[in-house]
Amino acid sequence: MRVIKFRAYNEITRKMVDVKTLCGRYVWDNAVDPVYDSADRMISTAYDIEDNTHLMQFTGMRDKNGHDIYEGDVCIGENIRHRENDGRRPMLTRATVEFRNAEFCLGDTMLSLFQGLMVMGNIYEGGCWP
């Protein structure tokens, strides 16, 4: 059974947080730091996912270094169904993880069809791009 968990990126604090609670349009990370919305109103540790917070779901997979892979991560990996021009090596793909058509994908291919995946960063915080 796949573990269901989320993380969220808040544009105001510019922080990525592990989501502990979801309730309606708010997420809580149980952090100590107060969070303010765009009108400088304190909203405690609740992040409003409609205004300034982006919610991302865990794919159930980890990269080759043991890091969790979430929606919005930029990954590089070997597509086991496609080969490079020499016909021997798996095709290397770098793309953003998205949830489309009821499955997690890297580019246009199901995430589960990749081996040697490595998280390079994410679409909100950047990262290292090869």
N, C-alpha and C. Protein backbone atom coordinates (compact mmCIF):
# COMPACT_ATOMS: atom_id res chain seq x y z
N MET A 1 0.84 -1.18 0.00
CA MET A 1 0.00 0.00 0.00
C MET A 1 0.89 1.25 0.00
N ARG A 2 0.53 2.21 -0.81
CA ARG A 2 1.31 3.45 -0.94
C ARG A 2 1.02 4.41 0.21
N VAL A 3 2.06 5.03 0.70
CA VAL A 3 1.94 6.05 1.74
C VAL A 3 1.37 7.31 1.11
N ILE A 4 0.35 7.89 1.73
CA ILE A 4 -0.25 9.14 1.25
C ILE A 4 0.26 10.26 2.15
N LYS A 5 1.02 11.16 1.55
CA LYS A 5 1.49 12.34 2.29
C LYS A 5 1.69 13.48 1.31
N PHE A 6 1.74 14.68 1.87
CA PHE A 6 1.83 15.89 1.06
C PHE A 6 2.92 16.81 1.61
N ARG A 7 3.36 17.71 0.76
CA ARG A 7 4.18 18.83 1.19
C ARG A 7 3.57 20.07 0.52
N ALA A 8 3.95 21.24 1.01
CA ALA A 8 3.40 22.48 0.45
C ALA A 8 4.49 23.54 0.40
N TYR A 9 4.44 24.36 -0.65
CA TYR A 9 5.37 25.49 -0.76
C TYR A 9 4.56 26.77 -0.60
N ASN A 10 5.00 27.62 0.34
CA ASN A 10 4.33 28.88 0.58
C ASN A 10 5.12 30.01 -0.07
N GLU A 11 4.45 30.77 -0.95
CA GLU A 11 5.11 31.84 -1.70
C GLU A 11 5.53 33.01 -0.81
N ILE A 12 4.83 33.24 0.27
CA ILE A 12 5.13 34.38 1.14
C ILE A 12 6.36 34.10 2.00
N THR A 13 6.40 32.94 2.65
CA THR A 13 7.54 32.59 3.50
C THR A 13 8.68 31.97 2.69
N ARG A 14 8.36 31.57 1.45
CA ARG A 14 9.31 30.87 0.58
C ARG A 14 9.88 29.63 1.26
N LYS A 15 8.98 28.90 1.92
CA LYS A 15 9.38 27.68 2.63
C LYS A 15 8.59 26.49 2.09
N MET A 16 9.26 25.36 2.04
CA MET A 16 8.63 24.09 1.74
C MET A 16 8.37 23.41 3.08
N VAL A 17 7.15 22.98 3.31
CA VAL A 17 6.81 22.35 4.59
C VAL A 17 6.16 21.00 4.36
N ASP A 18 6.37 20.09 5.31
CA ASP A 18 5.65 18.82 5.30
C ASP A 18 4.28 19.07 5.87
N VAL A 19 3.25 18.66 5.15
CA VAL A 19 1.88 18.90 5.59
C VAL A 19 1.48 17.81 6.59
N LYS A 20 1.01 18.24 7.74
CA LYS A 20 0.55 17.30 8.77
C LYS A 20 -0.97 17.17 8.76
N THR A 21 -1.67 18.26 8.41
CA THR A 21 -3.14 18.25 8.44
C THR A 21 -3.70 19.02 7.24
N LEU A 22 -4.72 18.45 6.62
CA LEU A 22 -5.46 19.12 5.55
C LEU A 22 -6.89 19.34 6.04
N CYS A 23 -7.40 20.54 5.84
CA CYS A 23 -8.77 20.82 6.26
C CYS A 23 -9.33 21.91 5.35
N GLY A 24 -10.21 21.51 4.43
CA GLY A 24 -10.77 22.48 3.50
C GLY A 24 -9.68 23.07 2.64
N ARG A 25 -9.58 24.39 2.64
CA ARG A 25 -8.56 25.05 1.82
C ARG A 25 -7.29 25.39 2.59
N TYR A 26 -7.15 24.89 3.80
CA TYR A 26 -5.98 25.18 4.63
C TYR A 26 -5.17 23.93 4.90
N VAL A 27 -3.85 24.12 5.01
CA VAL A 27 -2.96 23.04 5.43
C VAL A 27 -2.18 23.52 6.65
N TRP A 28 -1.84 22.60 7.53
CA TRP A 28 -1.06 22.92 8.72
C TRP A 28 0.21 22.09 8.71
N ASP A 29 1.30 22.73 9.13
CA ASP A 29 2.56 22.01 9.22
C ASP A 29 3.02 21.82 10.66
N ASN A 30 2.25 22.31 11.62
CA ASN A 30 2.59 22.23 13.04
C ASN A 30 3.90 22.93 13.36
N ALA A 31 4.21 23.96 12.59
CA ALA A 31 5.44 24.72 12.81
C ALA A 31 5.25 25.73 13.93
N VAL A 32 6.33 26.24 14.43
CA VAL A 32 6.29 27.23 15.50
C VAL A 32 6.18 28.64 14.93
N ASP A 33 6.78 28.88 13.76
CA ASP A 33 6.79 30.22 13.17
C ASP A 33 5.40 30.63 12.72
N PRO A 34 4.96 31.84 13.08
CA PRO A 34 3.68 32.32 12.55
C PRO A 34 3.79 32.61 11.06
N VAL A 35 2.69 32.46 10.36
CA VAL A 35 2.64 32.70 8.92
C VAL A 35 1.68 33.85 8.66
N TYR A 36 2.04 34.74 7.73
CA TYR A 36 1.21 35.88 7.39
C TYR A 36 0.74 35.77 5.95
N ASP A 37 -0.48 36.19 5.68
CA ASP A 37 -0.97 36.17 4.30
C ASP A 37 -0.54 37.45 3.60
N SER A 38 -1.00 37.63 2.36
CA SER A 38 -0.56 38.77 1.56
C SER A 38 -1.01 40.12 2.13
N ALA A 39 -2.01 40.13 3.00
CA ALA A 39 -2.47 41.37 3.62
C ALA A 39 -1.85 41.57 5.01
N ASP A 40 -0.76 40.83 5.29
CA ASP A 40 -0.07 40.89 6.59
C ASP A 40 -0.95 40.49 7.76
N ARG A 41 -1.90 39.60 7.52
CA ARG A 41 -2.70 39.05 8.61
C ARG A 41 -2.09 37.74 9.05
N MET A 42 -1.90 37.58 10.37
CA MET A 42 -1.31 36.34 10.86
C MET A 42 -2.33 35.21 10.72
N ILE A 43 -1.90 34.12 10.13
CA ILE A 43 -2.78 32.96 10.02
C ILE A 43 -2.16 31.76 10.72
N SER A 44 -1.37 32.05 11.75
CA SER A 44 -0.75 31.04 12.59
C SER A 44 0.08 30.10 11.73
N THR A 45 -0.12 28.80 11.89
CA THR A 45 0.64 27.84 11.10
C THR A 45 -0.21 27.26 9.99
N ALA A 46 -1.29 27.94 9.66
CA ALA A 46 -2.16 27.47 8.58
C ALA A 46 -1.77 28.17 7.29
N TYR A 47 -1.68 27.40 6.22
CA TYR A 47 -1.37 27.94 4.90
C TYR A 47 -2.61 27.82 4.03
N ASP A 48 -2.98 28.90 3.38
CA ASP A 48 -4.16 28.93 2.52
C ASP A 48 -3.76 28.44 1.13
N ILE A 49 -4.25 27.28 0.74
CA ILE A 49 -3.84 26.70 -0.54
C ILE A 49 -4.50 27.37 -1.74
N GLU A 50 -5.48 28.23 -1.50
CA GLU A 50 -6.09 28.95 -2.62
C GLU A 50 -5.37 30.25 -2.94
N ASP A 51 -4.68 30.81 -1.96
CA ASP A 51 -4.05 32.12 -2.17
C ASP A 51 -2.56 32.05 -2.49
N ASN A 52 -1.80 31.36 -1.65
CA ASN A 52 -0.36 31.50 -1.77
C ASN A 52 0.44 30.23 -1.48
N THR A 53 -0.22 29.10 -1.42
CA THR A 53 0.45 27.85 -1.08
C THR A 53 0.14 26.78 -2.12
N HIS A 54 1.17 26.07 -2.54
CA HIS A 54 1.03 25.03 -3.56
C HIS A 54 1.19 23.66 -2.91
N LEU A 55 0.19 22.82 -3.05
CA LEU A 55 0.16 21.49 -2.44
C LEU A 55 0.69 20.46 -3.43
N MET A 56 1.57 19.57 -2.96
CA MET A 56 2.16 18.53 -3.81
C MET A 56 2.05 17.18 -3.11
N GLN A 57 1.65 16.16 -3.86
CA GLN A 57 1.47 14.82 -3.30
C GLN A 57 2.71 13.96 -3.52
N PHE A 58 3.00 13.11 -2.55
CA PHE A 58 4.09 12.13 -2.63
C PHE A 58 3.71 11.07 -3.65
N THR A 59 4.65 10.70 -4.51
CA THR A 59 4.37 9.72 -5.58
C THR A 59 4.40 8.27 -5.09
N GLY A 60 4.95 8.06 -3.91
CA GLY A 60 5.13 6.69 -3.42
C GLY A 60 6.48 6.12 -3.81
N MET A 61 7.28 6.92 -4.53
CA MET A 61 8.60 6.46 -4.98
C MET A 61 9.71 7.31 -4.37
N ARG A 62 10.90 6.72 -4.30
CA ARG A 62 12.09 7.44 -3.84
C ARG A 62 13.14 7.39 -4.95
N ASP A 63 13.99 8.40 -4.96
CA ASP A 63 15.05 8.40 -5.97
C ASP A 63 16.18 7.49 -5.52
N LYS A 64 17.23 7.40 -6.34
CA LYS A 64 18.32 6.47 -6.04
C LYS A 64 19.11 6.86 -4.80
N ASN A 65 18.93 8.08 -4.32
CA ASN A 65 19.58 8.54 -3.09
C ASN A 65 18.67 8.45 -1.87
N GLY A 66 17.47 7.91 -2.06
CA GLY A 66 16.53 7.74 -0.95
C GLY A 66 15.62 8.91 -0.69
N HIS A 67 15.66 9.96 -1.54
CA HIS A 67 14.79 11.12 -1.35
C HIS A 67 13.38 10.83 -1.88
N ASP A 68 12.36 11.26 -1.13
CA ASP A 68 10.98 11.13 -1.59
C ASP A 68 10.78 11.94 -2.87
N ILE A 69 9.98 11.40 -3.80
CA ILE A 69 9.67 12.11 -5.04
C ILE A 69 8.23 12.62 -4.96
N TYR A 70 8.05 13.93 -5.15
CA TYR A 70 6.74 14.58 -5.09
C TYR A 70 6.40 15.20 -6.44
N GLU A 71 5.10 15.49 -6.60
CA GLU A 71 4.69 16.32 -7.74
C GLU A 71 5.51 17.61 -7.69
N GLY A 72 5.86 18.13 -8.85
CA GLY A 72 6.61 19.38 -8.90
C GLY A 72 8.11 19.20 -8.81
N ASP A 73 8.58 17.98 -8.49
CA ASP A 73 10.02 17.74 -8.48
C ASP A 73 10.53 17.64 -9.91
N VAL A 74 11.72 18.14 -10.12
CA VAL A 74 12.39 17.97 -11.41
C VAL A 74 13.35 16.80 -11.22
N CYS A 75 13.15 15.77 -12.04
CA CYS A 75 13.94 14.55 -11.91
C CYS A 75 14.63 14.21 -13.22
N ILE A 76 15.67 13.41 -13.10
CA ILE A 76 16.34 12.85 -14.25
C ILE A 76 16.38 11.34 -14.03
N GLY A 77 16.12 10.60 -15.10
CA GLY A 77 16.11 9.15 -14.96
C GLY A 77 16.19 8.46 -16.31
N GLU A 78 16.41 7.16 -16.28
CA GLU A 78 16.52 6.36 -17.48
C GLU A 78 15.18 5.73 -17.81
N ASN A 79 14.66 6.02 -18.99
CA ASN A 79 13.39 5.47 -19.45
C ASN A 79 13.66 4.05 -19.95
N ILE A 80 13.12 3.04 -19.26
CA ILE A 80 13.43 1.65 -19.60
C ILE A 80 12.74 1.17 -20.87
N ARG A 81 11.80 1.95 -21.40
CA ARG A 81 11.11 1.57 -22.63
C ARG A 81 11.72 2.17 -23.89
N HIS A 82 12.57 3.19 -23.73
CA HIS A 82 13.15 3.86 -24.89
C HIS A 82 14.67 3.83 -24.80
N ARG A 83 15.31 3.70 -25.95
CA ARG A 83 16.77 3.60 -26.02
C ARG A 83 17.36 4.81 -26.74
N GLU A 84 18.61 5.11 -26.40
CA GLU A 84 19.34 6.16 -27.11
C GLU A 84 19.58 5.70 -28.54
N ASN A 85 20.13 6.55 -29.37
CA ASN A 85 20.37 6.24 -30.78
C ASN A 85 21.23 5.01 -31.00
N ASP A 86 22.12 4.69 -30.03
CA ASP A 86 22.98 3.52 -30.20
C ASP A 86 22.22 2.21 -29.95
N GLY A 87 20.99 2.33 -29.44
CA GLY A 87 20.15 1.16 -29.22
C GLY A 87 20.49 0.35 -27.98
N ARG A 88 21.51 0.74 -27.25
CA ARG A 88 21.93 -0.03 -26.07
C ARG A 88 21.56 0.62 -24.75
N ARG A 89 21.75 1.91 -24.67
CA ARG A 89 21.55 2.60 -23.40
C ARG A 89 20.12 3.11 -23.27
N PRO A 90 19.54 3.02 -22.05
CA PRO A 90 18.20 3.62 -21.86
C PRO A 90 18.25 5.12 -22.09
N MET A 91 17.18 5.68 -22.63
CA MET A 91 17.11 7.12 -22.90
C MET A 91 17.02 7.89 -21.58
N LEU A 92 17.86 8.90 -21.45
CA LEU A 92 17.88 9.75 -20.27
C LEU A 92 16.84 10.85 -20.44
N THR A 93 15.99 11.03 -19.44
CA THR A 93 14.94 12.04 -19.49
C THR A 93 15.05 12.95 -18.28
N ARG A 94 14.91 14.26 -18.50
CA ARG A 94 14.83 15.24 -17.40
C ARG A 94 13.54 16.00 -17.58
N ALA A 95 12.67 15.96 -16.56
CA ALA A 95 11.37 16.63 -16.67
C ALA A 95 10.79 16.82 -15.28
N THR A 96 9.65 17.47 -15.24
CA THR A 96 8.93 17.72 -13.99
C THR A 96 7.92 16.61 -13.74
N VAL A 97 7.84 16.15 -12.50
CA VAL A 97 6.85 15.13 -12.12
C VAL A 97 5.48 15.80 -12.04
N GLU A 98 4.51 15.22 -12.75
CA GLU A 98 3.14 15.73 -12.76
C GLU A 98 2.17 14.58 -12.57
N PHE A 99 0.98 14.91 -12.07
CA PHE A 99 -0.09 13.92 -11.96
C PHE A 99 -1.07 14.17 -13.09
N ARG A 100 -1.09 13.24 -14.06
CA ARG A 100 -1.97 13.37 -15.22
C ARG A 100 -2.60 12.04 -15.53
N ASN A 101 -3.85 12.07 -15.96
CA ASN A 101 -4.55 10.85 -16.36
C ASN A 101 -4.46 9.75 -15.30
N ALA A 102 -4.66 10.14 -14.06
CA ALA A 102 -4.70 9.23 -12.91
C ALA A 102 -3.38 8.53 -12.64
N GLU A 103 -2.24 9.15 -13.04
CA GLU A 103 -0.94 8.55 -12.74
C GLU A 103 0.13 9.64 -12.68
N PHE A 104 1.21 9.34 -11.97
CA PHE A 104 2.33 10.26 -11.91
C PHE A 104 3.19 10.03 -13.15
N CYS A 105 3.60 11.13 -13.78
CA CYS A 105 4.38 11.06 -15.02
C CYS A 105 5.63 11.91 -14.90
N LEU A 106 6.65 11.50 -15.65
CA LEU A 106 7.84 12.31 -15.84
C LEU A 106 7.86 12.61 -17.32
N GLY A 107 7.58 13.85 -17.67
CA GLY A 107 7.37 14.18 -19.08
C GLY A 107 6.08 13.53 -19.54
N ASP A 108 6.15 12.78 -20.63
CA ASP A 108 4.96 12.11 -21.17
C ASP A 108 4.89 10.64 -20.79
N THR A 109 5.77 10.18 -19.90
CA THR A 109 5.87 8.76 -19.58
C THR A 109 5.57 8.51 -18.11
N MET A 110 4.92 7.37 -17.82
CA MET A 110 4.62 7.00 -16.44
C MET A 110 5.91 6.96 -15.62
N LEU A 111 5.87 7.50 -14.43
CA LEU A 111 7.04 7.57 -13.56
C LEU A 111 7.59 6.17 -13.25
N SER A 112 6.72 5.20 -13.16
CA SER A 112 7.14 3.83 -12.83
C SER A 112 7.99 3.18 -13.93
N LEU A 113 8.07 3.79 -15.13
CA LEU A 113 8.86 3.24 -16.22
C LEU A 113 10.29 3.80 -16.27
N PHE A 114 10.70 4.42 -15.16
CA PHE A 114 12.05 4.97 -15.08
C PHE A 114 12.86 4.23 -14.03
N GLN A 115 14.16 4.14 -14.29
CA GLN A 115 15.09 3.60 -13.30
C GLN A 115 16.18 4.63 -13.07
N GLY A 116 16.86 4.51 -11.92
CA GLY A 116 17.93 5.45 -11.61
C GLY A 116 17.47 6.88 -11.46
N LEU A 117 16.25 7.08 -10.98
CA LEU A 117 15.72 8.44 -10.83
C LEU A 117 16.53 9.24 -9.80
N MET A 118 16.69 10.53 -10.08
CA MET A 118 17.36 11.42 -9.16
C MET A 118 16.63 12.76 -9.15
N VAL A 119 16.24 13.22 -7.95
CA VAL A 119 15.59 14.53 -7.81
C VAL A 119 16.67 15.59 -7.93
N MET A 120 16.46 16.52 -8.86
CA MET A 120 17.42 17.59 -9.12
C MET A 120 17.01 18.92 -8.46
N GLY A 121 15.75 19.02 -8.07
CA GLY A 121 15.20 20.24 -7.49
C GLY A 121 13.70 20.20 -7.65
N ASN A 122 13.06 21.35 -7.56
CA ASN A 122 11.62 21.41 -7.79
C ASN A 122 11.27 22.73 -8.46
N ILE A 123 10.05 22.82 -8.93
CA ILE A 123 9.66 24.00 -9.72
C ILE A 123 9.51 25.26 -8.88
N TYR A 124 9.51 25.15 -7.56
CA TYR A 124 9.32 26.32 -6.72
C TYR A 124 10.64 26.84 -6.14
N GLU A 125 11.52 25.95 -5.74
CA GLU A 125 12.76 26.35 -5.09
C GLU A 125 13.98 26.30 -6.01
N GLY A 126 13.79 25.77 -7.21
CA GLY A 126 14.93 25.61 -8.10
C GLY A 126 15.69 24.36 -7.73
N GLY A 127 16.94 24.35 -8.02
CA GLY A 127 17.76 23.19 -7.72
C GLY A 127 18.95 23.15 -8.63
N CYS A 128 19.56 21.98 -8.69
CA CYS A 128 20.73 21.84 -9.54
C CYS A 128 20.31 21.16 -10.82
N TRP A 129 20.61 21.80 -11.92
CA TRP A 129 20.22 21.28 -13.23
C TRP A 129 21.46 20.83 -13.98
N PRO A 130 21.45 19.58 -14.44
CA PRO A 130 22.64 19.09 -15.15
C PRO A 130 22.79 19.73 -16.52
